[in-house]
Each structure stands twice: as C-alpha cells, then as structure tokens.
Amino acid sequence: MNAEQLRAHCLAKKAVQEDQPFGPNTLVFKVGGKMFLLVALDAVPLQFNAKCDPDVAVELRDTYNCVLPGYHMNKKHWNTILADGTASDKLLLQWVDDSYNLVYESLPKKIKAELA
C-alpha cells in the first residue's frame, strides 16, 4: 500500500476532509471536524495513526508487529500502523474503516444530521 491508495480510500468515505495542520509531511483526515487518521508522508515504510477502541488497540499490538502505540498520540486510543507488508492491505484498510466508524459514531447527532 502507498500513500495515494490510502488517501483515495479515506477521501471516498462520507464527509471526509483532508488537511495538513502539522506541515506538508503529515496528512490528516477528519470527519465532522474530528481526526480519524494521520499519515506520515515522509516515513518509509508508510505509516499512519488510526483511532482504535482501547481494548482492541492492545489486542492488535499484541498480535501484529506492525501495530505500535500511537506515536505522539494518546496511546490508549491510537495506534501507529506500519505498512511494512506484514499485514495485508485489506487488513490495513479495515483498521482505517474502523477508525473512521469509531469517530463518526462518536459525533453528536446534530453533526451527523448535518453530514447526512
């Protein structure tokens, strides 16, 4: 997986906004003004931070070597995922989807209605 594939997957989701508030080397994807994914464009291999249910986050870290506590993030709620080939692209995209869904579902009803 490369950064363009990851970007296209994120932008295909409902009401996603792309931003670079931390500089040109980090893409941030938001839904309803809340971050669900950060992509380090200068990292080799590609890596990204995804929001995760705290219990699942620990389980993923224990199961996959490519999943680490969230770099520069709240390590309880965020994982850093290395796209180093040890997990399939399908699985990586599922983690992106899970992050999006977690953030979307946590939005207030009013914001969800505005996005609909």
N, C-alpha and C. Protein backbone atom coordinates (compact mmCIF):
# COMPACT_ATOMS: atom_id res chain seq x y z
N MET A 1 0.84 -1.18 0.00
CA MET A 1 0.00 0.00 0.00
C MET A 1 0.89 1.24 0.00
N ASN A 2 0.45 2.25 -0.73
CA ASN A 2 1.18 3.51 -0.72
C ASN A 2 0.26 4.63 -0.23
N ALA A 3 0.84 5.81 -0.08
CA ALA A 3 0.09 6.93 0.49
C ALA A 3 -1.09 7.34 -0.40
N GLU A 4 -0.94 7.27 -1.71
CA GLU A 4 -2.03 7.65 -2.61
C GLU A 4 -3.22 6.70 -2.48
N GLN A 5 -2.95 5.41 -2.35
CA GLN A 5 -4.02 4.43 -2.17
C GLN A 5 -4.76 4.69 -0.86
N LEU A 6 -3.99 4.96 0.19
CA LEU A 6 -4.58 5.24 1.49
C LEU A 6 -5.41 6.53 1.44
N ARG A 7 -4.88 7.54 0.79
CA ARG A 7 -5.58 8.82 0.65
C ARG A 7 -6.89 8.63 -0.10
N ALA A 8 -6.85 7.91 -1.21
CA ALA A 8 -8.06 7.68 -2.00
C ALA A 8 -9.12 6.93 -1.20
N HIS A 9 -8.68 5.97 -0.40
CA HIS A 9 -9.62 5.20 0.43
C HIS A 9 -10.31 6.13 1.44
N CYS A 10 -9.53 7.00 2.06
CA CYS A 10 -10.10 7.92 3.06
C CYS A 10 -11.06 8.92 2.41
N LEU A 11 -10.66 9.49 1.29
CA LEU A 11 -11.48 10.52 0.65
C LEU A 11 -12.77 9.95 0.05
N ALA A 12 -12.82 8.65 -0.15
CA ALA A 12 -14.03 8.01 -0.67
C ALA A 12 -15.11 7.88 0.41
N LYS A 13 -14.74 8.08 1.64
CA LYS A 13 -15.69 7.96 2.74
C LYS A 13 -16.55 9.22 2.86
N LYS A 14 -17.71 9.05 3.42
CA LYS A 14 -18.69 10.12 3.56
C LYS A 14 -18.15 11.26 4.44
N ALA A 15 -18.23 12.49 3.92
CA ALA A 15 -17.95 13.73 4.66
C ALA A 15 -16.53 13.85 5.19
N VAL A 16 -15.56 13.24 4.50
CA VAL A 16 -14.17 13.31 4.96
C VAL A 16 -13.52 14.59 4.44
N GLN A 17 -12.75 15.19 5.33
CA GLN A 17 -11.97 16.38 4.99
C GLN A 17 -10.50 16.04 5.16
N GLU A 18 -9.69 16.59 4.27
CA GLU A 18 -8.24 16.38 4.30
C GLU A 18 -7.58 17.70 4.68
N ASP A 19 -6.53 17.62 5.50
CA ASP A 19 -5.86 18.83 5.98
C ASP A 19 -4.40 18.51 6.23
N GLN A 20 -3.59 19.56 6.39
CA GLN A 20 -2.18 19.40 6.74
C GLN A 20 -1.80 20.39 7.85
N PRO A 21 -2.46 20.31 9.01
CA PRO A 21 -2.22 21.29 10.07
C PRO A 21 -0.84 21.15 10.73
N PHE A 22 -0.18 20.01 10.53
CA PHE A 22 1.12 19.78 11.16
C PHE A 22 2.27 19.94 10.17
N GLY A 23 1.99 20.48 8.99
CA GLY A 23 3.02 20.68 7.99
C GLY A 23 2.82 19.79 6.78
N PRO A 24 3.67 19.98 5.77
CA PRO A 24 3.48 19.30 4.49
C PRO A 24 3.76 17.79 4.51
N ASN A 25 4.35 17.29 5.56
CA ASN A 25 4.70 15.86 5.60
C ASN A 25 3.68 15.01 6.33
N THR A 26 2.58 15.61 6.79
CA THR A 26 1.57 14.85 7.52
C THR A 26 0.18 15.19 6.99
N LEU A 27 -0.50 14.16 6.47
CA LEU A 27 -1.89 14.33 6.05
C LEU A 27 -2.79 13.96 7.22
N VAL A 28 -3.82 14.76 7.43
CA VAL A 28 -4.79 14.50 8.48
C VAL A 28 -6.15 14.36 7.83
N PHE A 29 -6.86 13.29 8.18
CA PHE A 29 -8.21 13.07 7.67
C PHE A 29 -9.18 13.18 8.83
N LYS A 30 -10.27 13.95 8.58
CA LYS A 30 -11.25 14.23 9.63
C LYS A 30 -12.64 13.93 9.11
N VAL A 31 -13.53 13.62 10.05
CA VAL A 31 -14.95 13.55 9.77
C VAL A 31 -15.65 14.35 10.86
N GLY A 32 -16.51 15.26 10.48
CA GLY A 32 -17.18 16.10 11.46
C GLY A 32 -16.23 16.93 12.28
N GLY A 33 -15.08 17.28 11.71
CA GLY A 33 -14.07 18.07 12.41
C GLY A 33 -13.19 17.30 13.36
N LYS A 34 -13.37 15.98 13.44
CA LYS A 34 -12.58 15.13 14.35
C LYS A 34 -11.63 14.24 13.55
N MET A 35 -10.39 14.17 13.98
CA MET A 35 -9.39 13.34 13.30
C MET A 35 -9.69 11.86 13.45
N PHE A 36 -9.52 11.13 12.35
CA PHE A 36 -9.58 9.68 12.43
C PHE A 36 -8.33 9.03 11.85
N LEU A 37 -7.48 9.78 11.12
CA LEU A 37 -6.28 9.20 10.55
C LEU A 37 -5.25 10.29 10.30
N LEU A 38 -4.00 9.98 10.64
CA LEU A 38 -2.86 10.84 10.34
C LEU A 38 -1.87 10.00 9.56
N VAL A 39 -1.37 10.52 8.45
CA VAL A 39 -0.45 9.77 7.60
C VAL A 39 0.87 10.52 7.53
N ALA A 40 1.95 9.82 7.87
CA ALA A 40 3.29 10.39 7.78
C ALA A 40 3.81 10.17 6.36
N LEU A 41 3.83 11.23 5.55
CA LEU A 41 4.20 11.11 4.14
C LEU A 41 5.69 10.84 3.93
N ASP A 42 6.51 11.19 4.90
CA ASP A 42 7.95 11.01 4.74
C ASP A 42 8.47 9.72 5.37
N ALA A 43 7.59 8.90 5.90
CA ALA A 43 8.01 7.66 6.57
C ALA A 43 8.20 6.53 5.55
N VAL A 44 9.25 5.75 5.76
CA VAL A 44 9.49 4.55 4.96
C VAL A 44 9.73 3.42 5.94
N PRO A 45 8.86 2.39 5.94
CA PRO A 45 7.68 2.24 5.11
C PRO A 45 6.58 3.21 5.55
N LEU A 46 5.54 3.30 4.71
CA LEU A 46 4.39 4.14 5.02
C LEU A 46 3.87 3.81 6.42
N GLN A 47 3.53 4.83 7.17
CA GLN A 47 2.92 4.60 8.48
C GLN A 47 1.82 5.62 8.71
N PHE A 48 0.85 5.20 9.50
CA PHE A 48 -0.26 6.07 9.81
C PHE A 48 -0.77 5.79 11.21
N ASN A 49 -1.40 6.81 11.80
CA ASN A 49 -2.03 6.68 13.11
C ASN A 49 -3.53 6.54 12.90
N ALA A 50 -4.12 5.55 13.55
CA ALA A 50 -5.55 5.31 13.45
C ALA A 50 -6.14 5.22 14.85
N LYS A 51 -7.30 5.78 15.02
CA LYS A 51 -8.01 5.70 16.30
C LYS A 51 -8.55 4.28 16.46
N CYS A 52 -8.61 3.82 17.71
CA CYS A 52 -9.00 2.43 17.95
C CYS A 52 -9.64 2.32 19.34
N ASP A 53 -10.59 1.41 19.44
CA ASP A 53 -11.15 1.09 20.74
C ASP A 53 -9.99 0.65 21.65
N PRO A 54 -9.90 1.15 22.89
CA PRO A 54 -8.76 0.84 23.75
C PRO A 54 -8.49 -0.66 23.94
N ASP A 55 -9.53 -1.46 24.10
CA ASP A 55 -9.31 -2.89 24.30
C ASP A 55 -8.78 -3.55 23.02
N VAL A 56 -9.31 -3.13 21.90
CA VAL A 56 -8.86 -3.67 20.61
C VAL A 56 -7.44 -3.20 20.31
N ALA A 57 -7.11 -1.97 20.68
CA ALA A 57 -5.78 -1.43 20.43
C ALA A 57 -4.71 -2.32 21.04
N VAL A 58 -4.90 -2.71 22.27
CA VAL A 58 -3.92 -3.56 22.95
C VAL A 58 -3.85 -4.93 22.28
N GLU A 59 -4.99 -5.47 21.93
CA GLU A 59 -5.03 -6.78 21.26
C GLU A 59 -4.28 -6.74 19.92
N LEU A 60 -4.47 -5.68 19.15
CA LEU A 60 -3.77 -5.55 17.87
C LEU A 60 -2.27 -5.44 18.07
N ARG A 61 -1.86 -4.68 19.07
CA ARG A 61 -0.42 -4.54 19.35
C ARG A 61 0.21 -5.86 19.76
N ASP A 62 -0.56 -6.66 20.49
CA ASP A 62 -0.05 -7.96 20.92
C ASP A 62 0.00 -8.96 19.77
N THR A 63 -0.85 -8.78 18.77
CA THR A 63 -0.97 -9.75 17.69
C THR A 63 -0.10 -9.41 16.48
N TYR A 64 0.05 -8.13 16.17
CA TYR A 64 0.75 -7.70 14.95
C TYR A 64 1.97 -6.85 15.29
N ASN A 65 3.12 -7.24 14.77
CA ASN A 65 4.35 -6.46 14.99
C ASN A 65 4.30 -5.09 14.33
N CYS A 66 3.44 -4.94 13.33
CA CYS A 66 3.35 -3.67 12.61
C CYS A 66 2.43 -2.67 13.30
N VAL A 67 1.84 -3.04 14.42
CA VAL A 67 0.95 -2.14 15.17
C VAL A 67 1.64 -1.75 16.47
N LEU A 68 1.83 -0.44 16.64
CA LEU A 68 2.53 0.11 17.80
C LEU A 68 1.64 1.13 18.50
N PRO A 69 1.97 1.47 19.74
CA PRO A 69 1.22 2.55 20.40
C PRO A 69 1.32 3.83 19.57
N GLY A 70 0.28 4.62 19.54
CA GLY A 70 0.21 5.81 18.69
C GLY A 70 1.33 6.80 18.95
N TYR A 71 2.13 7.06 17.93
CA TYR A 71 3.25 7.99 18.01
C TYR A 71 2.72 9.41 18.16
N HIS A 72 3.13 10.11 19.20
CA HIS A 72 2.70 11.48 19.51
C HIS A 72 1.18 11.59 19.72
N MET A 73 0.54 10.50 20.12
CA MET A 73 -0.91 10.49 20.31
C MET A 73 -1.21 9.85 21.67
N ASN A 74 -2.46 9.91 22.07
CA ASN A 74 -2.91 9.21 23.27
C ASN A 74 -2.82 7.72 22.98
N LYS A 75 -1.89 7.05 23.63
CA LYS A 75 -1.60 5.65 23.34
C LYS A 75 -2.73 4.71 23.74
N LYS A 76 -3.65 5.19 24.52
CA LYS A 76 -4.81 4.37 24.88
C LYS A 76 -5.77 4.26 23.71
N HIS A 77 -5.90 5.32 22.91
CA HIS A 77 -6.91 5.39 21.86
C HIS A 77 -6.35 5.36 20.44
N TRP A 78 -5.04 5.41 20.29
CA TRP A 78 -4.45 5.49 18.95
C TRP A 78 -3.36 4.45 18.76
N ASN A 79 -3.30 3.90 17.56
CA ASN A 79 -2.22 3.00 17.16
C ASN A 79 -1.47 3.62 15.98
N THR A 80 -0.17 3.38 15.94
CA THR A 80 0.61 3.67 14.75
C THR A 80 0.75 2.35 14.00
N ILE A 81 0.42 2.38 12.73
CA ILE A 81 0.42 1.16 11.91
C ILE A 81 1.46 1.33 10.81
N LEU A 82 2.37 0.38 10.73
CA LEU A 82 3.40 0.38 9.70
C LEU A 82 2.92 -0.48 8.54
N ALA A 83 2.89 0.10 7.35
CA ALA A 83 2.51 -0.66 6.15
C ALA A 83 3.77 -1.32 5.59
N ASP A 84 4.27 -2.29 6.37
CA ASP A 84 5.55 -2.93 6.03
C ASP A 84 5.38 -4.29 5.35
N GLY A 85 4.14 -4.64 5.02
CA GLY A 85 3.89 -5.90 4.33
C GLY A 85 3.57 -7.06 5.25
N THR A 86 3.66 -6.87 6.57
CA THR A 86 3.37 -7.98 7.48
C THR A 86 1.87 -8.16 7.71
N ALA A 87 1.09 -7.14 7.40
CA ALA A 87 -0.38 -7.24 7.43
C ALA A 87 -0.86 -6.89 6.03
N SER A 88 -1.90 -7.55 5.59
CA SER A 88 -2.41 -7.33 4.23
C SER A 88 -2.98 -5.93 4.08
N ASP A 89 -3.01 -5.45 2.84
CA ASP A 89 -3.63 -4.15 2.57
C ASP A 89 -5.09 -4.16 2.98
N LYS A 90 -5.76 -5.29 2.77
CA LYS A 90 -7.17 -5.42 3.16
C LYS A 90 -7.33 -5.18 4.66
N LEU A 91 -6.44 -5.75 5.46
CA LEU A 91 -6.50 -5.58 6.91
C LEU A 91 -6.18 -4.13 7.30
N LEU A 92 -5.18 -3.54 6.65
CA LEU A 92 -4.85 -2.14 6.94
C LEU A 92 -6.04 -1.23 6.66
N LEU A 93 -6.72 -1.47 5.54
CA LEU A 93 -7.88 -0.65 5.20
C LEU A 93 -9.04 -0.89 6.15
N GLN A 94 -9.14 -2.11 6.67
CA GLN A 94 -10.17 -2.39 7.67
C GLN A 94 -9.92 -1.58 8.94
N TRP A 95 -8.66 -1.45 9.33
CA TRP A 95 -8.32 -0.64 10.50
C TRP A 95 -8.63 0.84 10.25
N VAL A 96 -8.42 1.31 9.02
CA VAL A 96 -8.80 2.67 8.66
C VAL A 96 -10.32 2.83 8.78
N ASP A 97 -11.05 1.86 8.24
CA ASP A 97 -12.51 1.90 8.32
C ASP A 97 -12.99 1.89 9.76
N ASP A 98 -12.36 1.07 10.59
CA ASP A 98 -12.73 1.00 12.00
C ASP A 98 -12.51 2.35 12.68
N SER A 99 -11.40 3.01 12.35
CA SER A 99 -11.10 4.31 12.92
C SER A 99 -12.15 5.33 12.50
N TYR A 100 -12.46 5.36 11.22
CA TYR A 100 -13.49 6.28 10.71
C TYR A 100 -14.82 6.03 11.41
N ASN A 101 -15.23 4.78 11.48
CA ASN A 101 -16.52 4.44 12.09
C ASN A 101 -16.56 4.82 13.57
N LEU A 102 -15.47 4.59 14.28
CA LEU A 102 -15.39 4.93 15.70
C LEU A 102 -15.59 6.44 15.89
N VAL A 103 -14.91 7.23 15.07
CA VAL A 103 -15.02 8.69 15.19
C VAL A 103 -16.40 9.15 14.74
N TYR A 104 -16.88 8.63 13.62
CA TYR A 104 -18.19 9.04 13.11
C TYR A 104 -19.29 8.74 14.13
N GLU A 105 -19.27 7.56 14.71
CA GLU A 105 -20.30 7.17 15.67
C GLU A 105 -20.25 8.00 16.95
N SER A 106 -19.09 8.58 17.26
CA SER A 106 -18.97 9.39 18.48
C SER A 106 -19.43 10.84 18.27
N LEU A 107 -19.72 11.22 17.02
CA LEU A 107 -20.16 12.58 16.75
C LEU A 107 -21.56 12.83 17.32
N PRO A 108 -21.82 14.06 17.73
CA PRO A 108 -23.17 14.40 18.20
C PRO A 108 -24.19 14.21 17.08
N LYS A 109 -25.42 13.93 17.46
CA LYS A 109 -26.50 13.70 16.48
C LYS A 109 -26.65 14.88 15.53
N LYS A 110 -26.51 16.08 16.05
CA LYS A 110 -26.67 17.27 15.22
C LYS A 110 -25.64 17.29 14.09
N ILE A 111 -24.40 16.98 14.40
CA ILE A 111 -23.35 16.99 13.38
C ILE A 111 -23.58 15.85 12.38
N LYS A 112 -23.96 14.68 12.87
CA LYS A 112 -24.26 13.57 11.95
C LYS A 112 -25.39 13.95 11.00
N ALA A 113 -26.40 14.65 11.51
CA ALA A 113 -27.52 15.07 10.66
C ALA A 113 -27.05 16.07 9.59
N GLU A 114 -26.14 16.95 9.97
CA GLU A 114 -25.60 17.92 9.01
C GLU A 114 -24.79 17.22 7.92
N LEU A 115 -24.10 16.15 8.29
CA LEU A 115 -23.26 15.42 7.33
C LEU A 115 -24.08 14.51 6.41
N ALA A 116 -25.28 14.17 6.84
CA ALA A 116 -26.11 13.23 6.07
C ALA A 116 -26.64 13.81 4.77
